[in-house]
């Protein structure tokens, strides 16, 4: 919505430039004046292009990092479940709690998608992955694994790996939470939008009137607003068309639902 509004604003600024062009005195429309005005537009255009490129690259890199974090988190959950299977039937409550956490995290983080099957806690303070109930579930799981009493060296080795894996999962969860908050500087985006408005206004002020130029202005505004849309969408990974996929977490849940082999 914001990107569309910016696109309309750019088109309006160009038509405002055309409107002002008709009302300027003749000496303000001389060739030397138009060339000087276009030089200023070129400077602003170059600066805006560099900034847009850097913003797009930075937003895409951050989005890719968030995708990698979700995949790493899902892999850690799968490995923890595999280690619990190795330990034996005595840690079945811990596996059930882990499965419940994964399903609850899916249901609360992607509420618009079909909820996972089965019984699991529904967080009372469902606010995505930041739910305190989800954090409490991992804390209980950590406590259950810390209190394990291995009966032999084999189980002691697995218990040590379980503790290390839970510590990694807790750390990875907080890394995910911190990366989901927007980092886009709105004052900076406002200044960039102002530059683009000035560029389109100057273009209208120094260009002739014909259908081809009208079409170019609309297409140019559409291109600029679409690049801003990508930046905003990459910066908000839980919303929009480019939101993070739930597939890694669903794959982890499928793994946890596999029957325990003898």
Protein backbone atom coordinates (compact mmCIF):
# COMPACT_ATOMS: atom_id res chain seq x y z
CA UNK A 1 0.00 0.00 0.00
CA UNK A 2 2.79 2.43 0.90
CA UNK A 3 4.70 1.63 -2.29
CA UNK A 4 1.55 2.24 -4.36
CA UNK A 5 1.02 5.61 -2.65
CA UNK A 6 4.63 6.56 -3.41
CA UNK A 7 4.11 5.60 -7.06
CA UNK A 8 1.01 7.82 -7.30
CA UNK A 9 2.93 10.62 -5.61
CA UNK A 10 5.69 10.39 -8.22
CA UNK A 11 3.21 10.53 -11.09
CA UNK A 12 1.46 13.50 -9.47
CA UNK A 13 4.76 15.34 -9.04
CA UNK A 14 5.57 14.88 -12.75
CA UNK A 15 2.19 16.25 -13.80
CA UNK A 16 2.68 19.13 -11.35
CA UNK A 17 5.94 19.89 -13.16
CA UNK A 18 4.13 19.95 -16.51
CA UNK A 19 1.47 22.24 -15.04
CA UNK A 20 4.13 24.64 -13.72
CA UNK A 21 5.96 24.58 -17.07
CA UNK A 22 3.02 26.29 -18.80
CA UNK A 23 3.05 29.10 -16.26
CA UNK A 24 6.76 29.90 -16.25
CA UNK A 25 8.00 33.06 -17.95
CA UNK A 26 9.65 32.52 -21.34
CA UNK A 27 13.21 33.22 -20.11
CA UNK A 28 12.84 30.44 -17.54
CA UNK A 29 12.25 27.98 -20.36
CA UNK A 30 15.38 28.79 -22.33
CA UNK A 31 17.72 26.00 -23.43
CA UNK A 32 20.46 26.99 -20.97
CA UNK A 33 18.02 26.98 -18.06
CA UNK A 34 16.57 23.60 -19.03
CA UNK A 35 20.08 22.11 -19.38
CA UNK A 36 21.05 23.39 -15.92
CA UNK A 37 17.86 21.99 -14.39
CA UNK A 38 18.45 18.62 -16.03
CA UNK A 39 22.01 18.58 -14.64
CA UNK A 40 20.59 18.89 -11.12
CA UNK A 41 18.10 16.12 -11.95
CA UNK A 42 20.96 13.88 -13.15
CA UNK A 43 22.84 14.42 -9.89
CA UNK A 44 19.78 13.53 -7.83
CA UNK A 45 18.99 10.57 -10.08
CA UNK A 46 22.48 9.13 -9.67
CA UNK A 47 22.40 9.54 -5.90
CA UNK A 48 18.92 8.00 -5.68
CA UNK A 49 19.94 5.05 -7.87
CA UNK A 50 22.94 4.31 -5.67
CA UNK A 51 20.88 4.52 -2.49
CA UNK A 52 18.08 2.34 -3.93
CA UNK A 53 20.62 -0.26 -5.02
CA UNK A 54 22.27 -0.36 -1.60
CA UNK A 55 18.92 -0.55 0.20
CA UNK A 56 17.71 -3.37 -2.04
CA UNK A 57 20.95 -5.31 -1.63
CA UNK A 58 20.94 -4.85 2.14
CA UNK A 59 17.27 -5.84 2.49
CA UNK A 60 17.76 -8.93 0.32
CA UNK A 61 20.84 -10.00 2.29
CA UNK A 62 18.93 -9.61 5.56
CA UNK A 63 16.00 -11.59 4.17
CA UNK A 64 18.33 -14.40 3.03
CA UNK A 65 19.87 -14.43 6.51
CA UNK A 66 16.41 -14.82 8.07
CA UNK A 67 15.61 -17.70 5.70
CA UNK A 68 18.87 -19.38 6.70
CA UNK A 69 18.08 -18.85 10.40
CA UNK A 70 14.67 -20.53 10.05
CA UNK A 71 16.24 -23.47 8.20
CA UNK A 72 18.98 -23.78 10.82
CA UNK A 73 16.39 -23.67 13.60
CA UNK A 74 14.35 -26.43 11.93
CA UNK A 75 17.47 -28.58 11.48
CA UNK A 76 18.36 -28.13 15.17
CA UNK A 77 14.86 -29.26 16.16
CA UNK A 78 15.12 -32.34 13.93
CA UNK A 79 18.52 -33.25 15.37
CA UNK A 80 17.27 -32.79 18.93
CA UNK A 81 14.35 -35.12 18.21
CA UNK A 82 16.74 -37.68 16.69
CA UNK A 83 18.95 -37.59 19.81
CA UNK A 84 15.94 -38.02 22.05
CA UNK A 85 14.93 -41.08 20.02
CA UNK A 86 18.42 -42.47 20.55
CA UNK A 87 18.25 -41.94 24.30
CA UNK A 88 15.21 -44.16 24.70
CA UNK A 89 11.60 -44.35 25.78
CA UNK A 90 12.30 -42.66 29.12
CA UNK A 91 12.52 -39.27 27.39
CA UNK A 92 9.17 -39.68 25.59
CA UNK A 93 7.66 -36.75 27.57
CA UNK A 94 10.51 -34.52 26.34
CA UNK A 95 9.87 -35.58 22.74
CA UNK A 96 6.16 -34.89 23.17
CA UNK A 97 6.95 -31.44 24.55
CA UNK A 98 9.32 -30.77 21.63
CA UNK A 99 6.67 -31.80 19.14
CA UNK A 100 4.11 -29.58 20.88
CA UNK A 101 6.49 -26.63 20.77
CA UNK A 102 7.15 -27.07 17.04
CA UNK A 103 3.43 -27.31 16.22
CA UNK A 104 2.58 -24.33 18.43
CA UNK A 105 5.37 -22.26 16.87
CA UNK A 106 4.00 -23.08 13.41
CA UNK A 107 0.43 -22.19 14.36
CA UNK A 108 1.37 -18.85 15.96
CA UNK A 109 4.05 -17.71 13.51
CA UNK A 110 2.04 -18.54 10.37
CA UNK A 111 -1.57 -18.04 11.56
CA UNK A 112 -2.89 -17.63 8.00
CA UNK A 113 -1.76 -21.13 7.02
CA UNK A 114 -3.44 -24.43 7.99
CA UNK A 115 -2.64 -25.31 11.59
CA UNK A 116 -0.66 -28.51 12.22
CA UNK A 117 -2.63 -31.60 13.14
CA UNK A 118 -2.65 -33.08 16.61
CA UNK A 119 -2.92 -31.77 20.13
CA UNK A 120 -0.55 -29.07 21.31
CA UNK A 121 -0.76 -25.99 23.51
CA UNK A 122 -2.30 -22.90 21.99
CA UNK A 123 -0.30 -19.91 23.33
CA UNK A 124 -2.53 -17.51 25.24
CA UNK A 125 -0.37 -14.54 24.27
CA UNK A 126 0.00 -15.53 20.63
CA UNK A 127 2.13 -12.81 19.07
CA UNK A 128 4.12 -14.84 16.61
CA UNK A 129 7.34 -16.51 17.78
CA UNK A 130 7.68 -14.03 20.67
CA UNK A 131 4.98 -15.79 22.69
CA UNK A 132 6.01 -16.19 26.32
CA UNK A 133 4.22 -19.55 26.39
CA UNK A 134 6.47 -20.85 23.61
CA UNK A 135 9.53 -19.68 25.51
CA UNK A 136 8.28 -21.44 28.64
CA UNK A 137 7.90 -24.68 26.68
CA UNK A 138 11.54 -24.59 25.61
CA UNK A 139 12.57 -23.72 29.15
CA UNK A 140 10.73 -26.78 30.49
CA UNK A 141 12.35 -28.92 27.80
CA UNK A 142 15.78 -27.62 28.79
CA UNK A 143 15.05 -28.41 32.44
CA UNK A 144 13.92 -31.95 31.61
CA UNK A 145 17.12 -32.64 29.67
CA UNK A 146 19.36 -31.05 32.33
CA UNK A 147 17.91 -33.40 34.98
CA UNK A 148 18.58 -36.59 33.00
CA UNK A 149 20.45 -39.26 34.95
CA UNK A 150 22.26 -41.41 32.35
CA UNK A 151 22.60 -45.05 33.49
CA UNK A 152 25.70 -45.81 31.38
CA UNK A 153 28.41 -44.09 29.30
CA UNK A 154 26.39 -44.44 26.09
CA UNK A 155 23.43 -42.53 27.54
CA UNK A 156 25.80 -40.04 29.19
CA UNK A 157 27.29 -39.18 25.80
CA UNK A 158 23.84 -38.68 24.27
CA UNK A 159 22.72 -36.58 27.25
CA UNK A 160 25.72 -34.27 26.75
CA UNK A 161 24.79 -33.83 23.09
CA UNK A 162 21.18 -33.15 24.05
CA UNK A 163 22.21 -30.38 26.44
CA UNK A 164 24.42 -28.79 23.78
CA UNK A 165 21.64 -28.99 21.19
CA UNK A 166 19.04 -27.41 23.48
CA UNK A 167 21.46 -24.57 24.23
CA UNK A 168 21.89 -24.03 20.47
CA UNK A 169 18.11 -24.02 19.96
CA UNK A 170 17.54 -21.45 22.70
CA UNK A 171 20.24 -19.22 21.23
CA UNK A 172 18.89 -19.67 17.70
CA UNK A 173 15.36 -18.78 18.84
CA UNK A 174 16.51 -15.45 20.24
CA UNK A 175 18.47 -14.79 17.08
CA UNK A 176 15.28 -15.36 15.08
CA UNK A 177 13.27 -13.06 17.33
CA UNK A 178 15.77 -10.24 17.02
CA UNK A 179 15.96 -10.57 13.22
CA UNK A 180 12.19 -10.35 12.73
CA UNK A 181 12.02 -6.71 13.84
CA UNK A 182 12.18 -4.08 11.12
CA UNK A 183 15.49 -2.28 10.67
CA UNK A 184 14.45 0.12 7.91
CA UNK A 185 15.07 3.76 8.75
CA UNK A 186 11.81 5.59 8.05
CA UNK A 187 13.39 9.08 8.08
CA UNK A 188 15.88 7.83 5.51
CA UNK A 189 13.07 6.37 3.38
CA UNK A 190 11.21 9.68 3.62
CA UNK A 191 14.26 11.59 2.38
CA UNK A 192 14.68 9.12 -0.49
CA UNK A 193 11.03 9.57 -1.46
CA UNK A 194 11.53 13.35 -1.43
CA UNK A 195 14.47 12.98 -3.83
CA UNK A 196 12.36 10.90 -6.20
CA UNK A 197 9.51 13.43 -6.05
CA UNK A 198 11.92 16.23 -6.97
CA UNK A 199 13.34 14.16 -9.86
CA UNK A 200 9.90 13.46 -11.33
CA UNK A 201 8.84 17.09 -10.86
CA UNK A 202 11.96 18.32 -12.69
CA UNK A 203 11.33 15.79 -15.45
CA UNK A 204 7.83 17.16 -15.92
CA UNK A 205 9.10 20.73 -15.72
CA UNK A 206 11.68 20.25 -18.49
CA UNK A 207 9.91 17.81 -20.85
CA UNK A 208 7.45 18.31 -23.71
CA UNK A 209 3.86 17.12 -23.56
CA UNK A 210 2.99 13.94 -25.48
CA UNK A 211 1.47 10.52 -24.90
CA UNK A 212 4.80 8.70 -25.04
CA UNK A 213 6.25 10.78 -22.19
CA UNK A 214 3.08 10.28 -20.16
CA UNK A 215 3.51 6.52 -20.57
CA UNK A 216 7.21 6.68 -19.67
CA UNK A 217 6.40 8.65 -16.51
CA UNK A 218 3.83 6.08 -15.39
CA UNK A 219 6.19 3.16 -16.13
CA UNK A 220 9.06 4.93 -14.37
CA UNK A 221 6.93 5.58 -11.29
CA UNK A 222 5.81 1.95 -11.34
CA UNK A 223 9.42 0.76 -11.50
CA UNK A 224 10.53 3.01 -8.64
CA UNK A 225 7.58 2.06 -6.43
CA UNK A 226 8.10 -1.64 -7.15
CA UNK A 227 11.73 -1.40 -5.97
CA UNK A 228 10.52 0.30 -2.77
CA UNK A 229 7.92 -2.45 -2.41
CA UNK A 230 10.66 -5.09 -2.55
CA UNK A 231 12.68 -3.25 0.10
CA UNK A 232 9.66 -2.96 2.41
CA UNK A 233 8.65 -6.59 1.82
CA UNK A 234 12.15 -7.94 2.46
CA UNK A 235 12.27 -5.90 5.67
CA UNK A 236 8.99 -7.42 6.95
CA UNK A 237 9.53 -11.18 6.54
CA UNK A 238 6.34 -12.19 8.36
CA UNK A 239 4.03 -10.23 6.04
CA UNK A 240 3.53 -9.61 2.34
CA UNK A 241 4.15 -11.78 -0.70
CA UNK A 242 7.78 -12.49 0.19
CA UNK A 243 7.21 -13.69 3.74
CA UNK A 244 9.28 -16.49 5.20
CA UNK A 245 8.24 -19.99 4.24
CA UNK A 246 6.96 -22.37 6.89
CA UNK A 247 8.23 -25.39 4.93
CA UNK A 248 11.39 -26.00 7.06
CA UNK A 249 9.33 -26.09 10.28
CA UNK A 250 6.68 -28.31 8.68
CA UNK A 251 9.41 -30.68 7.51
CA UNK A 252 10.71 -30.81 11.09
CA UNK A 253 7.22 -31.68 12.33
CA UNK A 254 6.91 -34.46 9.73
CA UNK A 255 10.19 -35.91 11.00
CA UNK A 256 8.98 -35.80 14.61
CA UNK A 257 5.77 -37.62 13.67
CA UNK A 258 7.63 -40.60 12.23
CA UNK A 259 7.09 -43.81 14.20
CA UNK A 260 9.89 -44.73 16.59
CA UNK A 261 11.89 -47.63 15.15
CA UNK A 262 12.85 -50.55 17.35
